[in-house]
């Protein structure tokens, strides 16, 4: 990423593992690469939200409408849904305004600072 991104641009990384950035080697690397900025999601939620959304989509579009006589029928239906979805993939789209997201980031920083100051 460092080599491929124009040097005049800042790089903002949204990370799920809050503890990783405290490792001495990571801290040293970040100090040597000041254009990299870490933003941490609340513990265990960033990837989970997308997984939950994906399961909800499978449920709404395929499982809820189906009749399955066996677990293997259900598994086949899910695999077929995934295959068809992968043939014409569409990205999940952020629906929040940037300002709303940044406000939440600031609130999270305030909470995190409070938790770590004790």
N, C-alpha and C. Protein backbone atom coordinates (compact mmCIF):
# COMPACT_ATOMS: atom_id res chain seq x y z
N UNK A 1 0.83 -1.18 0.00
CA UNK A 1 0.00 0.00 0.00
C UNK A 1 0.88 1.24 0.00
N UNK A 2 1.91 1.22 0.80
CA UNK A 2 2.80 2.38 0.91
C UNK A 2 3.44 2.70 -0.44
N UNK A 3 3.90 1.67 -1.14
CA UNK A 3 4.54 1.89 -2.44
C UNK A 3 3.56 2.31 -3.52
N UNK A 4 2.34 1.80 -3.48
CA UNK A 4 1.36 2.02 -4.55
C UNK A 4 0.54 3.30 -4.38
N UNK A 5 0.53 3.88 -3.19
CA UNK A 5 -0.27 5.08 -2.93
C UNK A 5 0.61 6.31 -3.10
N UNK A 6 0.12 7.33 -3.83
CA UNK A 6 0.91 8.55 -3.98
C UNK A 6 1.38 9.08 -2.63
N UNK A 7 2.62 9.51 -2.59
CA UNK A 7 3.26 9.89 -1.32
C UNK A 7 2.59 11.08 -0.63
N UNK A 8 1.86 11.92 -1.37
CA UNK A 8 1.23 13.09 -0.77
C UNK A 8 -0.12 12.78 -0.11
N UNK A 9 -0.56 11.53 -0.18
CA UNK A 9 -1.84 11.15 0.40
C UNK A 9 -1.67 10.47 1.76
N UNK A 10 -2.57 10.81 2.67
CA UNK A 10 -2.61 10.11 3.96
C UNK A 10 -3.34 8.79 3.74
N UNK A 11 -2.99 7.81 4.53
CA UNK A 11 -3.64 6.49 4.44
C UNK A 11 -4.32 6.23 5.78
N UNK A 12 -5.63 6.08 5.71
CA UNK A 12 -6.42 5.81 6.92
C UNK A 12 -6.82 4.35 6.90
N UNK A 13 -6.46 3.64 7.97
CA UNK A 13 -6.75 2.21 8.08
C UNK A 13 -7.81 2.00 9.16
N UNK A 14 -8.85 1.28 8.79
CA UNK A 14 -9.88 0.92 9.76
C UNK A 14 -9.56 -0.49 10.21
N UNK A 15 -9.28 -0.64 11.50
CA UNK A 15 -8.78 -1.91 12.03
C UNK A 15 -9.71 -2.47 13.09
N UNK A 16 -9.77 -3.78 13.14
CA UNK A 16 -10.64 -4.46 14.09
C UNK A 16 -9.92 -4.88 15.36
N UNK A 17 -8.65 -5.16 15.28
CA UNK A 17 -7.92 -5.67 16.44
C UNK A 17 -7.27 -4.52 17.19
N UNK A 18 -7.90 -4.07 18.24
CA UNK A 18 -7.44 -2.89 18.95
C UNK A 18 -6.06 -3.06 19.57
N UNK A 19 -5.70 -4.27 19.98
CA UNK A 19 -4.44 -4.48 20.69
C UNK A 19 -3.20 -4.53 19.81
N UNK A 20 -3.36 -4.82 18.53
CA UNK A 20 -2.22 -5.01 17.65
C UNK A 20 -1.32 -3.78 17.58
N UNK A 21 -1.90 -2.61 17.54
CA UNK A 21 -1.11 -1.39 17.36
C UNK A 21 -0.20 -1.09 18.54
N UNK A 22 -0.39 -1.76 19.66
CA UNK A 22 0.46 -1.53 20.83
C UNK A 22 1.74 -2.36 20.81
N UNK A 23 1.85 -3.31 19.91
CA UNK A 23 3.06 -4.12 19.82
C UNK A 23 4.23 -3.21 19.44
N UNK A 24 5.39 -3.35 20.09
CA UNK A 24 6.53 -2.47 19.82
C UNK A 24 6.92 -2.39 18.34
N UNK A 25 6.90 -3.50 17.62
CA UNK A 25 7.28 -3.46 16.21
C UNK A 25 6.27 -2.67 15.38
N UNK A 26 5.01 -2.80 15.73
CA UNK A 26 3.97 -2.05 15.01
C UNK A 26 4.11 -0.56 15.32
N UNK A 27 4.32 -0.23 16.59
CA UNK A 27 4.48 1.18 16.97
C UNK A 27 5.69 1.80 16.26
N UNK A 28 6.79 1.07 16.19
CA UNK A 28 7.98 1.56 15.50
C UNK A 28 7.69 1.80 14.03
N UNK A 29 7.01 0.85 13.40
CA UNK A 29 6.67 0.98 11.98
C UNK A 29 5.78 2.20 11.75
N UNK A 30 4.76 2.37 12.59
CA UNK A 30 3.85 3.50 12.44
C UNK A 30 4.57 4.83 12.65
N UNK A 31 5.52 4.87 13.58
CA UNK A 31 6.30 6.10 13.79
C UNK A 31 7.11 6.45 12.56
N UNK A 32 7.60 5.45 11.84
CA UNK A 32 8.39 5.68 10.62
C UNK A 32 7.51 5.97 9.41
N UNK A 33 6.21 5.76 9.54
CA UNK A 33 5.26 5.96 8.43
C UNK A 33 4.12 6.86 8.91
N UNK A 34 4.39 8.15 9.12
CA UNK A 34 3.40 9.03 9.74
C UNK A 34 2.14 9.28 8.90
N UNK A 35 2.15 8.94 7.64
CA UNK A 35 0.94 9.17 6.84
C UNK A 35 -0.10 8.08 7.06
N UNK A 36 0.28 7.01 7.78
CA UNK A 36 -0.67 5.95 8.12
C UNK A 36 -1.38 6.32 9.42
N UNK A 37 -2.70 6.31 9.37
CA UNK A 37 -3.52 6.66 10.53
C UNK A 37 -4.43 5.48 10.85
N UNK A 38 -4.39 5.02 12.08
CA UNK A 38 -5.20 3.88 12.50
C UNK A 38 -6.50 4.35 13.14
N UNK A 39 -7.58 3.72 12.74
CA UNK A 39 -8.90 3.95 13.33
C UNK A 39 -9.43 2.58 13.73
N UNK A 40 -9.82 2.46 14.98
CA UNK A 40 -10.23 1.15 15.51
C UNK A 40 -11.73 1.08 15.71
N UNK A 41 -12.30 -0.01 15.27
CA UNK A 41 -13.73 -0.23 15.48
C UNK A 41 -13.92 -0.80 16.88
N UNK A 42 -15.13 -0.70 17.42
CA UNK A 42 -15.38 -1.34 18.71
C UNK A 42 -15.06 -2.83 18.61
N UNK A 43 -14.59 -3.41 19.67
CA UNK A 43 -14.15 -4.80 19.68
C UNK A 43 -15.18 -5.73 19.06
N UNK A 44 -14.71 -6.52 18.12
CA UNK A 44 -15.46 -7.61 17.49
C UNK A 44 -16.68 -7.19 16.69
N UNK A 45 -16.82 -5.94 16.33
CA UNK A 45 -18.07 -5.58 15.66
C UNK A 45 -17.95 -5.28 14.18
N UNK A 46 -16.83 -4.80 13.70
CA UNK A 46 -16.79 -4.35 12.31
C UNK A 46 -17.06 -5.48 11.33
N UNK A 47 -16.32 -6.56 11.43
CA UNK A 47 -16.54 -7.66 10.50
C UNK A 47 -17.85 -8.35 10.79
N UNK A 48 -18.24 -8.37 12.06
CA UNK A 48 -19.48 -9.05 12.43
C UNK A 48 -20.70 -8.36 11.82
N UNK A 49 -20.67 -7.04 11.74
CA UNK A 49 -21.79 -6.33 11.13
C UNK A 49 -21.98 -6.74 9.69
N UNK A 50 -20.91 -6.88 8.94
CA UNK A 50 -21.03 -7.30 7.54
C UNK A 50 -21.48 -8.76 7.42
N UNK A 51 -20.99 -9.59 8.32
CA UNK A 51 -21.43 -11.00 8.31
C UNK A 51 -22.92 -11.07 8.61
N UNK A 52 -23.37 -10.32 9.60
CA UNK A 52 -24.79 -10.31 9.93
C UNK A 52 -25.63 -9.81 8.76
N UNK A 53 -25.13 -8.79 8.08
CA UNK A 53 -25.85 -8.27 6.92
C UNK A 53 -25.93 -9.33 5.82
N UNK A 54 -24.85 -10.03 5.59
CA UNK A 54 -24.81 -11.09 4.58
C UNK A 54 -25.79 -12.22 4.92
N UNK A 55 -25.78 -12.66 6.18
CA UNK A 55 -26.73 -13.70 6.59
C UNK A 55 -28.17 -13.22 6.45
N UNK A 56 -28.41 -11.95 6.77
CA UNK A 56 -29.75 -11.40 6.60
C UNK A 56 -30.20 -11.41 5.15
N UNK A 57 -29.27 -11.10 4.26
CA UNK A 57 -29.60 -11.11 2.83
C UNK A 57 -29.92 -12.52 2.34
N UNK A 58 -29.12 -13.50 2.73
CA UNK A 58 -29.40 -14.89 2.35
C UNK A 58 -30.77 -15.31 2.90
N UNK A 59 -31.03 -14.93 4.14
CA UNK A 59 -32.31 -15.30 4.76
C UNK A 59 -33.48 -14.68 4.00
N UNK A 60 -33.41 -13.38 3.74
CA UNK A 60 -34.51 -12.69 3.05
C UNK A 60 -34.71 -13.17 1.62
N UNK A 61 -33.61 -13.35 0.91
CA UNK A 61 -33.72 -13.63 -0.53
C UNK A 61 -33.82 -15.11 -0.89
N UNK A 62 -33.43 -15.99 0.03
CA UNK A 62 -33.44 -17.41 -0.35
C UNK A 62 -34.05 -18.34 0.70
N UNK A 63 -33.61 -18.24 1.92
CA UNK A 63 -34.03 -19.22 2.92
C UNK A 63 -35.50 -19.04 3.30
N UNK A 64 -35.90 -17.81 3.59
CA UNK A 64 -37.27 -17.56 4.04
C UNK A 64 -38.30 -17.99 3.00
N UNK A 65 -37.96 -17.92 1.75
CA UNK A 65 -38.89 -18.26 0.66
C UNK A 65 -38.85 -19.74 0.29
N UNK A 66 -37.95 -20.47 0.88
CA UNK A 66 -37.75 -21.85 0.45
C UNK A 66 -38.43 -22.87 1.34
N UNK A 67 -38.57 -24.05 0.78
CA UNK A 67 -39.03 -25.22 1.53
C UNK A 67 -37.93 -26.26 1.37
N UNK A 68 -37.38 -26.69 2.48
CA UNK A 68 -36.24 -27.60 2.44
C UNK A 68 -36.61 -28.87 3.18
N UNK A 69 -36.46 -29.99 2.51
CA UNK A 69 -36.84 -31.28 3.09
C UNK A 69 -35.71 -31.91 3.89
N UNK A 70 -34.50 -31.33 3.76
CA UNK A 70 -33.36 -31.88 4.49
C UNK A 70 -32.31 -30.79 4.64
N UNK A 71 -31.36 -31.04 5.52
CA UNK A 71 -30.25 -30.11 5.70
C UNK A 71 -29.46 -30.00 4.40
N UNK A 72 -29.27 -31.12 3.71
CA UNK A 72 -28.51 -31.07 2.45
C UNK A 72 -29.23 -30.21 1.41
N UNK A 73 -30.57 -30.22 1.39
CA UNK A 73 -31.32 -29.33 0.48
C UNK A 73 -31.06 -27.86 0.83
N UNK A 74 -31.04 -27.56 2.12
CA UNK A 74 -30.76 -26.19 2.57
C UNK A 74 -29.35 -25.77 2.17
N UNK A 75 -28.38 -26.65 2.40
CA UNK A 75 -26.99 -26.35 2.04
C UNK A 75 -26.87 -26.10 0.54
N UNK A 76 -27.50 -26.93 -0.26
CA UNK A 76 -27.47 -26.74 -1.72
C UNK A 76 -28.08 -25.40 -2.12
N UNK A 77 -29.19 -25.02 -1.48
CA UNK A 77 -29.82 -23.74 -1.79
C UNK A 77 -28.91 -22.57 -1.44
N UNK A 78 -28.24 -22.66 -0.30
CA UNK A 78 -27.31 -21.60 0.10
C UNK A 78 -26.14 -21.51 -0.87
N UNK A 79 -25.57 -22.66 -1.24
CA UNK A 79 -24.45 -22.66 -2.19
C UNK A 79 -24.88 -22.09 -3.54
N UNK A 80 -26.09 -22.41 -3.98
CA UNK A 80 -26.58 -21.88 -5.25
C UNK A 80 -26.78 -20.37 -5.16
N UNK A 81 -27.30 -19.89 -4.04
CA UNK A 81 -27.45 -18.45 -3.85
C UNK A 81 -26.10 -17.75 -3.92
N UNK A 82 -25.11 -18.31 -3.26
CA UNK A 82 -23.76 -17.73 -3.26
C UNK A 82 -23.19 -17.74 -4.68
N UNK A 83 -23.35 -18.85 -5.39
CA UNK A 83 -22.84 -18.94 -6.76
C UNK A 83 -23.47 -17.86 -7.64
N UNK A 84 -24.79 -17.73 -7.59
CA UNK A 84 -25.47 -16.72 -8.40
C UNK A 84 -25.07 -15.31 -7.98
N UNK A 85 -24.94 -15.09 -6.69
CA UNK A 85 -24.52 -13.78 -6.20
C UNK A 85 -23.11 -13.44 -6.69
N UNK A 86 -22.22 -14.42 -6.69
CA UNK A 86 -20.85 -14.18 -7.13
C UNK A 86 -20.74 -13.93 -8.63
N UNK A 87 -21.72 -14.40 -9.40
CA UNK A 87 -21.72 -14.13 -10.84
C UNK A 87 -22.04 -12.67 -11.14
N UNK A 88 -22.78 -12.03 -10.25
CA UNK A 88 -23.14 -10.63 -10.44
C UNK A 88 -23.04 -9.90 -9.10
N UNK A 89 -21.82 -9.80 -8.57
CA UNK A 89 -21.66 -9.22 -7.23
C UNK A 89 -21.94 -7.72 -7.21
N UNK A 90 -22.47 -7.28 -6.10
CA UNK A 90 -22.69 -5.85 -5.88
C UNK A 90 -22.15 -5.53 -4.49
N UNK A 91 -21.37 -4.48 -4.39
CA UNK A 91 -20.80 -4.15 -3.07
C UNK A 91 -21.88 -3.65 -2.12
N UNK A 92 -21.65 -3.87 -0.84
CA UNK A 92 -22.51 -3.24 0.15
C UNK A 92 -22.18 -1.76 0.13
N UNK A 93 -23.18 -0.93 0.24
CA UNK A 93 -22.99 0.52 0.13
C UNK A 93 -23.19 1.16 1.49
N UNK A 94 -22.25 2.04 1.86
CA UNK A 94 -22.39 2.79 3.09
C UNK A 94 -23.58 3.73 2.93
N UNK A 95 -24.44 3.79 3.92
CA UNK A 95 -25.60 4.66 3.83
C UNK A 95 -25.50 5.84 4.79
N UNK A 96 -24.51 5.86 5.60
CA UNK A 96 -24.33 6.97 6.54
C UNK A 96 -23.53 8.08 5.86
N UNK A 97 -23.80 9.31 6.27
CA UNK A 97 -23.01 10.44 5.79
C UNK A 97 -21.65 10.40 6.49
N UNK A 98 -20.65 10.93 5.82
CA UNK A 98 -19.29 10.96 6.38
C UNK A 98 -19.30 11.63 7.75
N UNK A 99 -20.04 12.72 7.87
CA UNK A 99 -20.08 13.46 9.14
C UNK A 99 -20.61 12.58 10.28
N UNK A 100 -21.62 11.78 9.98
CA UNK A 100 -22.19 10.89 11.00
C UNK A 100 -21.17 9.86 11.45
N UNK A 101 -20.45 9.29 10.49
CA UNK A 101 -19.43 8.29 10.81
C UNK A 101 -18.32 8.93 11.65
N UNK A 102 -17.86 10.12 11.24
CA UNK A 102 -16.79 10.79 11.98
C UNK A 102 -17.24 11.18 13.40
N UNK A 103 -18.51 11.56 13.57
CA UNK A 103 -19.02 11.85 14.91
C UNK A 103 -18.94 10.60 15.79
N UNK A 104 -19.30 9.45 15.23
CA UNK A 104 -19.22 8.20 15.99
C UNK A 104 -17.77 7.86 16.33
N UNK A 105 -16.86 8.13 15.40
CA UNK A 105 -15.44 7.89 15.66
C UNK A 105 -14.98 8.74 16.84
N UNK A 106 -15.39 10.01 16.85
CA UNK A 106 -15.00 10.89 17.95
C UNK A 106 -15.56 10.40 19.29
N UNK A 107 -16.83 9.96 19.29
CA UNK A 107 -17.42 9.42 20.51
C UNK A 107 -16.67 8.18 20.97
N UNK A 108 -16.30 7.32 20.02
CA UNK A 108 -15.56 6.10 20.35
C UNK A 108 -14.19 6.45 20.94
N UNK A 109 -13.53 7.45 20.36
CA UNK A 109 -12.23 7.88 20.89
C UNK A 109 -12.37 8.37 22.32
N UNK A 110 -13.43 9.14 22.58
CA UNK A 110 -13.64 9.66 23.93
C UNK A 110 -13.86 8.52 24.92
N UNK A 111 -14.67 7.54 24.54
CA UNK A 111 -14.92 6.39 25.41
C UNK A 111 -13.64 5.59 25.62
N UNK A 112 -12.91 5.35 24.54
CA UNK A 112 -11.66 4.59 24.62
C UNK A 112 -10.65 5.29 25.51
N UNK A 113 -10.54 6.61 25.36
CA UNK A 113 -9.60 7.37 26.19
C UNK A 113 -9.98 7.26 27.67
N UNK A 114 -11.27 7.30 27.95
CA UNK A 114 -11.74 7.17 29.33
C UNK A 114 -11.41 5.80 29.89
N UNK A 115 -11.65 4.76 29.07
CA UNK A 115 -11.38 3.39 29.53
C UNK A 115 -9.91 3.15 29.80
N UNK A 116 -9.04 3.74 28.97
CA UNK A 116 -7.61 3.48 29.11
C UNK A 116 -6.92 4.43 30.07
N UNK A 117 -7.62 5.44 30.55
CA UNK A 117 -7.00 6.37 31.50
C UNK A 117 -7.15 5.88 32.93
N UNK A 118 -7.99 4.87 33.12
CA UNK A 118 -8.21 4.33 34.48
C UNK A 118 -7.17 3.32 34.85
